[in-house]
Each structure stands twice: as C-alpha cells, then as structure tokens.
Protein backbone atom coordinates (compact mmCIF):
# COMPACT_ATOMS: atom_id res chain seq x y z
CA MET A 1 0.00 -0.07 0.19
CA TYR A 2 1.23 3.54 -1.08
CA THR A 3 2.17 5.00 2.18
CA PRO A 4 4.85 8.21 1.90
CA PRO A 5 5.34 10.30 5.01
CA LEU A 6 3.69 13.21 3.14
CA LEU A 7 2.76 15.54 6.22
CA TYR A 8 6.44 15.61 8.08
CA LYS A 9 9.01 14.05 5.91
CA GLY A 10 12.72 13.04 7.00
CA ARG A 11 12.32 10.35 9.62
CA GLU A 12 9.85 7.27 10.23
CA ILE A 13 6.62 8.91 12.23
CA PHE A 14 3.38 7.80 14.18
CA LEU A 15 1.12 9.29 11.17
CA GLN A 16 1.45 8.52 7.60
CA ILE A 17 -0.79 10.48 4.77
CA THR A 18 -2.12 7.77 2.29
CA LYS A 19 -5.33 9.03 1.10
CA PHE A 20 -7.41 12.29 1.23
CA SER A 21 -9.25 10.73 4.19
CA ASP A 22 -6.52 11.01 6.03
CA ILE A 23 -5.96 14.79 6.56
CA ILE A 24 -7.46 16.05 8.91
CA GLY A 25 -8.84 20.27 8.49
CA ASN A 26 -9.81 22.09 5.01
CA SER A 27 -11.95 19.44 4.62
CA SER A 28 -14.24 21.41 2.14
CA THR A 29 -11.46 22.53 -0.17
CA ILE A 30 -10.20 18.46 0.01
CA SER A 31 -13.75 17.15 -0.99
CA LEU A 32 -14.24 19.57 -3.56
CA ILE A 33 -10.65 18.58 -4.99
CA LYS A 34 -11.47 14.64 -4.28
CA LYS A 35 -14.76 15.39 -6.52
CA GLY A 36 -12.91 16.87 -9.40
CA LEU A 37 -10.73 13.74 -9.61
CA GLU A 38 -13.28 11.85 -9.18
CA LYS A 39 -15.47 13.77 -12.11
CA LYS A 40 -12.39 14.69 -13.91
CA THR A 41 -13.25 18.07 -13.90
CA LEU A 42 -9.83 19.07 -12.43
CA PRO A 43 -8.32 22.19 -14.03
CA HIS A 44 -5.16 21.29 -15.68
CA PHE A 45 -3.46 24.43 -14.11
CA ILE A 46 -4.31 24.92 -10.38
CA LEU A 47 -2.69 26.93 -7.24
CA LEU A 48 -2.02 25.76 -3.19
CA GLU A 49 -2.29 28.71 -1.38
CA GLY A 50 -1.50 29.01 2.76
CA LEU A 51 0.27 29.11 5.64
CA TYR A 52 3.24 26.42 5.58
CA GLY A 53 2.79 23.11 7.75
CA THR A 54 -1.42 23.29 6.14
CA GLY A 55 -0.93 20.67 3.79
CA LYS A 56 -0.18 22.42 0.47
CA SER A 57 2.97 19.90 -0.46
CA SER A 58 0.38 15.85 0.38
CA VAL A 59 -2.22 17.50 -1.63
CA ALA A 60 -0.14 18.51 -4.24
CA GLU A 61 1.52 15.22 -4.26
CA LEU A 62 -2.16 12.69 -3.46
CA ILE A 63 -3.30 14.85 -6.59
CA ALA A 64 -0.47 14.01 -8.70
CA MET A 65 -1.04 10.01 -7.38
CA ALA A 66 -4.66 10.25 -8.33
CA LEU A 67 -4.32 11.69 -11.49
CA THR A 68 -1.94 9.50 -13.00
CA CYS A 69 -3.01 5.79 -11.29
CA GLN A 70 -4.05 3.13 -13.77
CA ASN A 71 -6.91 2.06 -11.34
CA THR A 72 -7.99 4.88 -9.29
CA ILE A 73 -10.96 4.55 -6.51
CA SER A 74 -13.44 7.17 -6.26
CA GLY A 75 -11.01 10.02 -7.20
CA GLU A 76 -8.35 7.75 -4.79
CA ALA A 77 -4.86 6.44 -6.29
CA CYS A 78 -4.85 2.95 -6.14
CA GLY A 79 -1.43 3.03 -4.56
CA HIS A 80 0.13 -0.41 -5.64
CA CYS A 81 -0.28 -0.06 -9.63
CA ASP A 82 3.30 -0.19 -11.35
CA ILE A 83 2.77 3.73 -11.57
CA CYS A 84 1.71 3.86 -8.20
CA LEU A 85 4.79 2.47 -6.79
CA ALA A 86 6.89 4.17 -9.36
CA ASN A 87 5.26 7.23 -7.91
CA LYS A 88 5.94 6.04 -4.18
CA LYS A 89 9.71 5.41 -4.75
CA ALA A 90 10.16 9.34 -6.72
CA LEU A 91 8.07 10.83 -3.51
CA GLY A 92 9.21 9.48 -0.54
CA LYS A 93 12.14 10.43 1.80
CA SER A 94 14.56 8.99 -0.56
CA GLY A 95 13.36 9.68 -3.93
CA LEU A 96 14.45 12.55 -6.13
CA GLY A 97 10.90 13.50 -6.82
CA VAL A 98 10.99 12.78 -9.94
CA SER A 99 9.55 9.61 -11.79
CA SER A 100 8.59 9.11 -15.36
CA CYS A 101 4.86 10.91 -14.71
CA VAL A 102 5.73 13.20 -11.91
CA GLU A 103 8.17 15.85 -10.94
CA LYS A 104 8.04 18.11 -7.75
CA VAL A 105 10.49 21.10 -7.98
CA ASN A 106 11.20 23.63 -5.00
CA MET A 107 11.63 27.06 -7.03
CA ALA A 108 13.61 28.48 -4.71
CA VAL A 109 16.78 26.41 -5.82
CA VAL A 110 15.16 27.24 -9.16
CA ALA A 111 15.69 31.06 -8.71
CA LYS A 112 19.03 30.57 -7.11
CA GLU A 113 20.15 28.03 -9.87
CA ARG A 114 18.71 30.19 -12.49
CA ASN A 115 17.30 27.44 -14.57
CA MET A 116 13.87 28.33 -15.27
CA ILE A 117 14.50 27.88 -19.08
CA GLU A 118 15.03 24.14 -18.10
CA GLN A 119 11.82 24.18 -16.31
CA ILE A 120 9.95 25.83 -18.82
CA ARG A 121 11.16 22.79 -21.90
CA SER A 122 10.62 19.87 -19.16
CA THR A 123 7.02 21.07 -18.24
CA PHE A 124 5.28 22.56 -21.81
CA TYR A 125 7.87 21.33 -24.26
CA VAL A 126 8.96 17.62 -24.12
CA LEU A 127 6.66 15.01 -25.70
CA HIS A 128 5.42 12.91 -22.83
CA SER A 129 3.52 10.45 -25.13
CA ASP A 130 -0.55 9.93 -24.33
CA GLN A 131 0.35 9.39 -20.64
CA ILE A 132 -0.66 12.02 -17.52
CA TYR A 133 2.16 14.32 -16.36
CA ILE A 134 2.36 16.35 -13.24
CA LYS A 135 4.47 19.17 -12.51
CA ILE A 136 4.22 20.61 -9.29
CA PHE A 137 6.38 23.82 -8.71
CA GLU A 138 6.45 24.46 -4.48
CA GLU A 139 7.21 27.93 -3.06
CA PHE A 140 6.25 29.24 -6.38
CA HIS A 141 6.02 32.79 -4.70
CA SER A 142 9.86 32.55 -4.97
CA LEU A 143 10.76 33.17 -8.41
CA LEU A 144 11.26 36.77 -9.67
CA GLU A 145 8.13 38.43 -11.10
CA ALA A 146 9.81 38.00 -15.05
CA ASP A 147 10.50 34.09 -14.37
CA GLN A 148 6.67 34.27 -13.03
CA GLN A 149 6.33 35.78 -16.64
CA LEU A 150 7.96 33.19 -18.46
CA ILE A 151 5.47 30.82 -16.92
CA LEU A 152 2.60 32.83 -17.51
CA GLU A 153 3.33 32.97 -21.32
CA GLU A 154 3.27 29.34 -21.39
CA THR A 155 -0.25 28.89 -19.73
CA ALA A 156 -2.37 28.97 -22.57
CA ARG A 157 -0.72 26.57 -24.47
CA ILE A 158 -0.49 23.82 -21.49
CA PRO A 159 -0.54 20.15 -23.27
CA GLU A 160 -4.03 18.23 -22.83
CA ASN A 161 -1.77 15.37 -20.82
CA VAL A 162 -0.40 17.78 -18.34
CA TYR A 163 -1.50 19.08 -15.55
CA VAL A 164 0.68 22.51 -13.46
CA ILE A 165 0.30 22.50 -9.70
CA LEU A 166 1.77 25.53 -7.84
CA THR A 167 2.14 25.92 -3.99
CA THR A 168 3.11 29.21 -2.01
CA THR A 169 2.76 30.29 1.49
CA ASN A 170 2.90 34.10 0.37
CA LEU A 171 -0.35 34.40 -2.33
CA SER A 172 0.82 37.96 -2.28
CA LYS A 173 4.21 37.83 -4.29
CA VAL A 174 2.44 35.64 -7.07
CA ILE A 175 2.05 38.03 -9.74
CA LYS A 176 -1.76 38.75 -10.17
CA GLU A 177 -1.94 37.41 -14.07
CA ILE A 178 -1.25 34.04 -12.58
CA ARG A 179 -3.20 33.77 -9.72
CA SER A 180 -6.08 34.62 -12.44
CA ARG A 181 -5.55 31.76 -14.75
CA CYS A 182 -6.08 29.46 -12.31
CA LEU A 183 -8.14 27.64 -9.80
CA THR A 184 -6.54 29.12 -6.20
CA PHE A 185 -7.37 26.07 -3.00
CA ASN A 186 -6.50 28.26 0.42
CA PHE A 187 -5.55 25.93 3.07
CA LYS A 188 -6.19 27.19 6.35
CA ARG A 189 -4.77 26.46 10.24
CA LEU A 190 -6.68 23.80 12.15
CA THR A 191 -9.54 24.56 14.44
CA LEU A 192 -9.43 23.74 18.18
CA GLY A 193 -11.16 20.35 17.58
CA GLU A 194 -9.24 19.56 14.51
CA SER A 195 -6.36 20.37 15.98
CA ALA A 196 -7.76 17.88 18.94
CA MET A 197 -8.35 14.83 16.57
CA LEU A 198 -5.26 14.94 14.53
CA VAL A 199 -3.86 15.36 18.53
CA ASP A 200 -5.55 11.76 19.37
CA ARG A 201 -4.52 10.33 16.07
CA VAL A 202 -0.63 10.90 16.35
CA ASN A 203 -0.37 10.27 20.58
CA LYS A 204 0.05 6.85 21.57
CA LYS A 205 1.02 7.19 25.34
CA LEU A 206 0.06 10.34 27.01
CA ARG A 207 -2.89 10.95 29.06
CA LEU A 208 -4.10 14.61 28.09
CA LYS A 209 -6.49 16.76 29.88
CA LYS A 210 -8.65 19.65 27.86
CA SER A 211 -6.26 22.33 28.83
CA ASP A 212 -3.53 19.86 27.36
CA TYR A 213 -5.51 19.53 23.86
CA GLU A 214 -5.82 23.78 24.15
CA SER A 215 -2.43 24.27 25.05
CA ILE A 216 -0.85 21.95 22.11
CA TYR A 217 -3.48 24.17 19.53
CA ARG A 218 -2.18 28.11 21.37
CA LYS A 219 1.48 26.69 21.25
CA THR A 220 1.18 24.98 17.63
CA ASN A 221 -1.43 28.03 16.18
CA GLY A 222 -2.92 25.04 14.35
CA ILE A 223 -0.13 24.40 11.84
CA PRO A 224 -0.60 20.33 11.25
CA ARG A 225 2.99 19.92 10.73
CA ASN A 226 3.93 21.92 13.88
CA ILE A 227 1.63 19.45 15.78
CA ILE A 228 2.55 16.37 14.33
CA ILE A 229 6.10 17.37 15.38
CA LEU A 230 5.50 18.57 18.75
CA VAL A 231 2.97 15.47 19.83
CA GLU A 232 5.35 12.47 18.29
CA PHE A 233 7.72 13.59 20.13
CA LEU A 234 6.11 13.98 23.36
CA SER A 235 4.46 10.80 23.01
CA LYS A 236 7.48 8.97 22.11
CA ALA A 237 9.09 10.70 25.36
CA GLU A 238 6.74 9.30 27.58
CA ALA A 239 6.74 13.06 28.80
CA SER A 240 5.58 13.78 32.27
CA GLN A 241 3.11 16.57 32.73
CA GLU A 242 5.86 18.83 34.13
CA GLU A 243 7.64 18.22 31.47
CA MET A 244 5.07 18.54 28.86
CA ASN A 245 3.87 22.09 30.20
CA ASP A 246 7.72 23.53 30.85
CA LEU A 247 7.92 22.62 27.03
CA LEU A 248 5.01 23.89 26.03
CA GLY A 249 5.52 26.88 27.70
CA ILE A 250 2.27 27.84 28.75
CA ILE A 251 0.71 29.22 31.99
CA ASP A 252 -2.31 27.75 32.70
CA LYS A 253 -5.19 30.31 32.15
CA SER A 254 -6.28 29.53 36.07
CA VAL A 255 -3.15 31.45 36.82
CA PHE A 256 -4.16 34.77 35.29
CA LEU A 257 -7.79 34.45 36.77
CA GLU A 258 -6.76 33.91 40.17
CA LEU A 259 -4.17 36.74 39.56
CA PHE A 260 -7.70 39.19 38.12
CA SER A 261 -9.54 37.80 40.66
CA ASN A 262 -6.89 39.15 43.18
CA MET A 263 -6.36 42.59 41.96
CA ASN A 264 -8.08 44.28 45.14
CA HIS A 265 -5.67 42.56 47.38
CA PHE A 266 -2.49 43.98 47.30
CA SER A 267 -0.62 41.08 49.26
CA LEU A 268 -2.22 38.03 47.69
CA TYR A 269 -1.94 40.10 44.41
CA MET A 270 1.82 40.14 44.69
CA GLU A 271 2.29 36.79 45.89
CA ASP A 272 0.45 35.79 43.12
CA VAL A 273 3.31 37.33 40.94
CA ALA A 274 6.04 36.61 42.81
CA ARG A 275 5.00 32.80 42.13
CA MET A 276 4.44 32.89 38.72
CA GLU A 277 7.94 34.70 38.56
CA SER A 278 9.71 31.89 40.32
CA SER A 279 7.83 29.58 37.78
CA TYR A 280 8.09 31.15 34.41
CA SER A 281 10.55 32.86 32.52
CA ASP A 282 9.88 36.56 31.36
CA THR A 283 9.19 35.95 27.78
CA THR A 284 6.84 33.46 29.10
CA ILE A 285 4.96 35.63 31.48
CA LEU A 286 4.51 38.23 29.22
CA ASN A 287 3.68 35.75 25.97
CA GLN A 288 0.85 34.24 27.81
CA LEU A 289 -0.79 37.82 29.33
CA LYS A 290 -0.94 39.21 26.22
CA GLU A 291 -2.12 35.52 24.73
CA PHE A 292 -4.72 35.74 28.16
CA LEU A 293 -5.58 39.31 27.23
CA VAL A 294 -6.81 38.74 23.45
CA GLN A 295 -8.37 35.75 24.75
CA VAL A 296 -10.79 37.97 27.24
CA THR A 297 -11.40 40.12 24.28
CA PHE A 298 -12.38 37.72 22.15
CA ALA A 299 -15.10 36.59 24.89
CA ILE A 300 -16.24 39.53 25.62
CA GLU A 301 -16.31 41.59 22.43
CA GLY A 302 -17.48 38.80 20.34
CA ASP A 303 -18.79 35.97 22.50
CA ILE A 304 -16.13 34.11 21.31
CA TYR A 305 -15.53 31.22 23.98
CA THR A 306 -12.58 29.38 23.00
CA PHE A 307 -10.65 28.81 25.76
CA LEU A 308 -12.45 30.89 28.50
CA SER A 309 -15.69 29.66 29.52
CA LYS A 310 -19.14 32.28 30.67
CA LYS A 311 -18.32 31.40 34.30
CA GLU A 312 -14.61 31.83 33.91
CA ILE A 313 -15.57 35.64 32.48
CA SER A 314 -17.46 36.35 35.21
CA ILE A 315 -15.18 36.34 37.79
CA LEU A 316 -13.47 39.10 36.11
CA ASN A 317 -15.92 41.64 36.67
CA THR A 318 -14.03 44.54 36.73
CA VAL A 319 -12.58 44.04 33.20
CA THR A 320 -13.06 46.12 30.40
CA ILE A 321 -12.27 46.17 26.68
CA LYS A 322 -10.90 50.09 27.00
CA LYS A 323 -8.35 48.36 30.10
CA ILE A 324 -7.58 45.29 28.49
CA TYR A 325 -6.56 47.96 25.40
CA ASP A 326 -5.02 49.95 27.56
CA ALA A 327 -2.83 46.61 28.96
CA LEU A 328 -2.23 45.32 25.66
CA LYS A 329 -0.49 48.82 24.41
CA LEU A 330 1.54 48.85 27.72
CA ILE A 331 2.79 45.46 26.96
CA GLU A 332 3.25 46.17 23.58
CA GLN A 333 5.14 49.42 24.20
CA ILE A 334 8.01 46.59 25.83
CA LYS A 335 11.03 46.49 24.02
CA GLU A 336 13.91 44.55 25.45
CA ILE A 337 12.48 42.02 27.93
CA GLU A 338 15.68 41.17 29.40
CA LYS A 339 15.82 44.55 30.64
CA VAL A 340 12.21 44.94 31.98
CA ASP A 341 11.13 44.60 35.70
CA LEU A 342 8.25 42.72 35.61
CA ASP A 343 6.97 43.78 39.46
CA ILE A 344 6.54 47.40 38.09
CA LEU A 345 4.68 46.45 35.18
CA PHE A 346 2.32 44.32 37.16
CA LEU A 347 2.06 47.09 39.89
CA LYS A 348 1.21 49.43 36.71
CA LEU A 349 -1.36 46.31 35.42
CA ARG A 350 -3.26 46.65 39.15
CA ARG A 351 -3.49 50.14 39.04
CA LEU A 352 -5.14 49.84 35.38
CA PHE A 353 -7.48 47.12 36.24
CA CYS A 354 -8.30 47.06 39.84
CA ASN A 355 -10.87 49.60 42.17
CA PRO A 356 -9.19 52.50 44.01
CA MET A 357 -9.11 51.91 47.76
CA THR A 358 -7.77 53.11 50.87
CA VAL A 359 -4.57 51.52 52.27
CA GLN A 360 -6.93 50.35 55.58
CA GLU A 361 -9.63 49.14 52.25
CA GLN A 362 -6.50 47.03 50.99
CA LYS A 363 -5.26 45.52 54.24
CA THR A 364 -9.72 44.65 55.34
CA SER A 365 -10.11 42.82 51.56
CA ALA A 366 -6.27 41.30 51.54
CA SER A 367 -7.83 39.43 55.52
CA LEU A 368 -11.37 38.63 54.25
CA ALA A 369 -9.72 37.17 51.38
CA LYS A 370 -7.26 34.88 52.95
CA ASN A 371 -10.29 33.74 55.11
CA ILE A 372 -12.63 32.90 51.98
CA LYS A 373 -9.57 30.47 50.61
CA PHE A 374 -10.77 31.65 47.07
CA ASN A 375 -9.16 29.30 44.38
CA VAL A 376 -9.89 29.79 40.60
CA ARG A 377 -8.22 26.33 40.15
CA GLN A 378 -11.41 24.03 41.41
CA GLU A 379 -14.29 24.43 39.28
CA GLY A 380 -16.71 24.05 42.32
CA GLU A 381 -19.07 26.56 43.73
CA LYS A 382 -18.44 30.61 43.64
CA PRO A 383 -16.86 32.64 46.24
CA PRO A 384 -19.31 35.28 48.36
CA LYS A 385 -19.48 38.62 46.51
CA LEU A 386 -17.35 41.15 47.92
CA THR A 387 -19.79 44.63 48.63
CA ARG A 388 -18.09 47.79 49.29
CA PHE A 389 -20.00 49.20 52.81
CA GLY A 390 -18.41 51.86 54.95
CA GLY A 391 -15.01 51.48 53.73
CA ASP A 392 -14.60 47.83 54.22
CA ASP A 393 -15.05 44.51 52.07
CA VAL A 394 -17.93 42.12 53.63
CA ASN A 395 -19.59 39.20 51.81
CA GLU A 396 -22.83 39.47 50.35
CA SER A 397 -23.69 36.96 54.00
CA GLY A 398 -23.36 40.63 56.50
CA ASN A 399 -20.09 39.06 57.64
CA GLY A 400 -17.21 41.97 57.97
C-alpha cells in the first residue's frame, strides 16, 4: 500500500498520509479537489496557497498520485499499480521527486540556480506520449516576477495531458496574472476541534487533559505539521505533565484568573506575581499574559468562548475592553524583555484594572480574602461576592 510520509518528511513518524481522508482540516477544500478528480474536471493549472505546514505539499502529491494512477478508486490512487509504485519511490523521503510521470520542483532552488528555461522546456515542450504528466512547482512565490512571467506565457498552451500544480505560502508575491489564470485552493490552520482530532491520531502514550489540548493548539497555532512534530516527540518521550508544561511554555489560564481576581487584594496579588515569576521565564509570562488578554477580548467583544468559559469570564467583573486595550498597549511598549521589571509592570496593571482603595481597605480586603480561601483553579461553587460597605469589604451574608 502507498504510504509516503507526506505531512512530515525526514524520518519515520506515527502519522502517514496515504489518502485524502487521512488529512484533518480544510474539509471543504479537500472534498472539492476529490470530486474534481473523481469526475475528471480538475483544471490543468491550479494553485494551493496557505500557511506553511497546512498540507499543501501533501495534497499536491495526492493529486499527482490520483491523476496518474492506472486504477483509481473514487478519486483516490490505488497505491499498488506500477505507476503508483514508481511515484511512491520518487516522492518518498529517499526519492528525488522525479518519476516518469511526476516531477516536484522547489522553485527557491530554481530561482537560485537560474535554470527557469529548463523548467519551462521540460514542462511545456517535452512530449510525454499520451500518459498524464504532473509538474509540481513548490514555493512558487520564490521566483522573480520576470521568471513568473515566463511561466505565464506558457499557461495558455498547456498540453492536454499535462497538469501544473503551484504551491505557495505567500500569495501576494504570485503575480496577479498567474492568479487570474489558475484555480486557487486555500489551506487554513486547524480549528481547536480539528487540532484535538490530529493530536489523538498521533498520540500513543500521553494521558491528556482538556487544558493540554488547548495548550498544544496555542503552542502550534493550529498548524498540522507543528502539531505532528510536537505530539510525536512528547508521546515517544513519554513526557510527564511537568515536562510537557515546560516544553509548551504555557501558563494555565487559572493562574491569570486568580491573579485578576486578587487585583483588589494587594498582598495576595503580589504573592501571585512572585509565584509566577519563580515558575516561568519573563518571556513566557509576557507572551502568555498578552494571549490571555486577547482571549478575554474575544470572549467579551465577540462572544467567542474557545479558551474561557462564561463562568470564568464572570470572575473578571472589573475588566472592560478599554482596560484590556490599555494593558495590551502597555505590554506592546516593552522593547527589550531582558530589561523589563515585571514587578513594576504588574503594579501598573493592577492600578489599571483594580478599583481605587485606601490603605485600610486593602488590608481589610486582603484579610477577608484569605479567610474565604478562594481558589479559581477548582471548578467548585463561586466565592461570596465582595461588596464595598462603610469603607470595609463584606460578603453578601453580611459578615465583615
């Protein structure tokens, strides 16, 4: 059976792509491509564009396999005919990317070696008998505009048995005339749900919590290749929870929720800051604080509760959009992380978010908070709501 390691090349991996159904994400795009192959209506000149690691090269190879296969099944290559076996060898990790009917070329190399004329000749002018011939131009944006114009001039006379597939991670650098002549398929990063599906497919040994899936998604930005590399390593290493957290560089949202809930209780707030500074690097703290504030913005402004629930947002009852934007602006002003004083930064953030209080009120509220023993890391019942009364904080039951 045809099993080239298409998503992540270079060594043996847990996940291999052998057919379109193996690809997670971009389901509408994959469905349209497969239908075009099955009905033999796929254009001879197509462009696959999107972020790096989202599966463009994998899909380009699957298209080439399907178009040249002698015994296709519902738009899929059979994987075991003579042509499939030859293509498998050519496209595999030890292959040169060239078979009698498929050739894959990295255009960054072409641009460097200046052999554009040879690529045009081998694609548009060499007779390939009646068999289907596929040319995959990867990273097409690497070409100078003049070289792209040379390709453009030939696209009007692509032979009937030749298919040209372009891939790019930078669509804006592909000249508009090329874009107007080919059918473009866009490849996006995965959603959180799709990322979780991919993690489960790759993971063999890790016992993951819901928060781990979220952390992996945030660390990898939903890029399939990054997810595969990361989860494969963690799984093979049988990483502990602590080791995994350190590698991910993720601060759990409960840490920030507790920090914000203690804004009006100076001593507790600074204890949270000190604990965080002793556990994480300055870079991680700043990056994760920024990410947390962005997620709060999504929840408040867009009702998007991907990482924060409505219950968790309700804890942040003093947070407004204006305060969040002011806080983000404060963080963005930091140019050199190694020179920043985090204590000063968090004092400024506290003054930005918390309600004005006298020294006596701060002491009273801090004492009361310790008695309540509020810990947002637990999903239990909400703590009593603090109410300002006669200069002191009291809870709703009337106890001061």
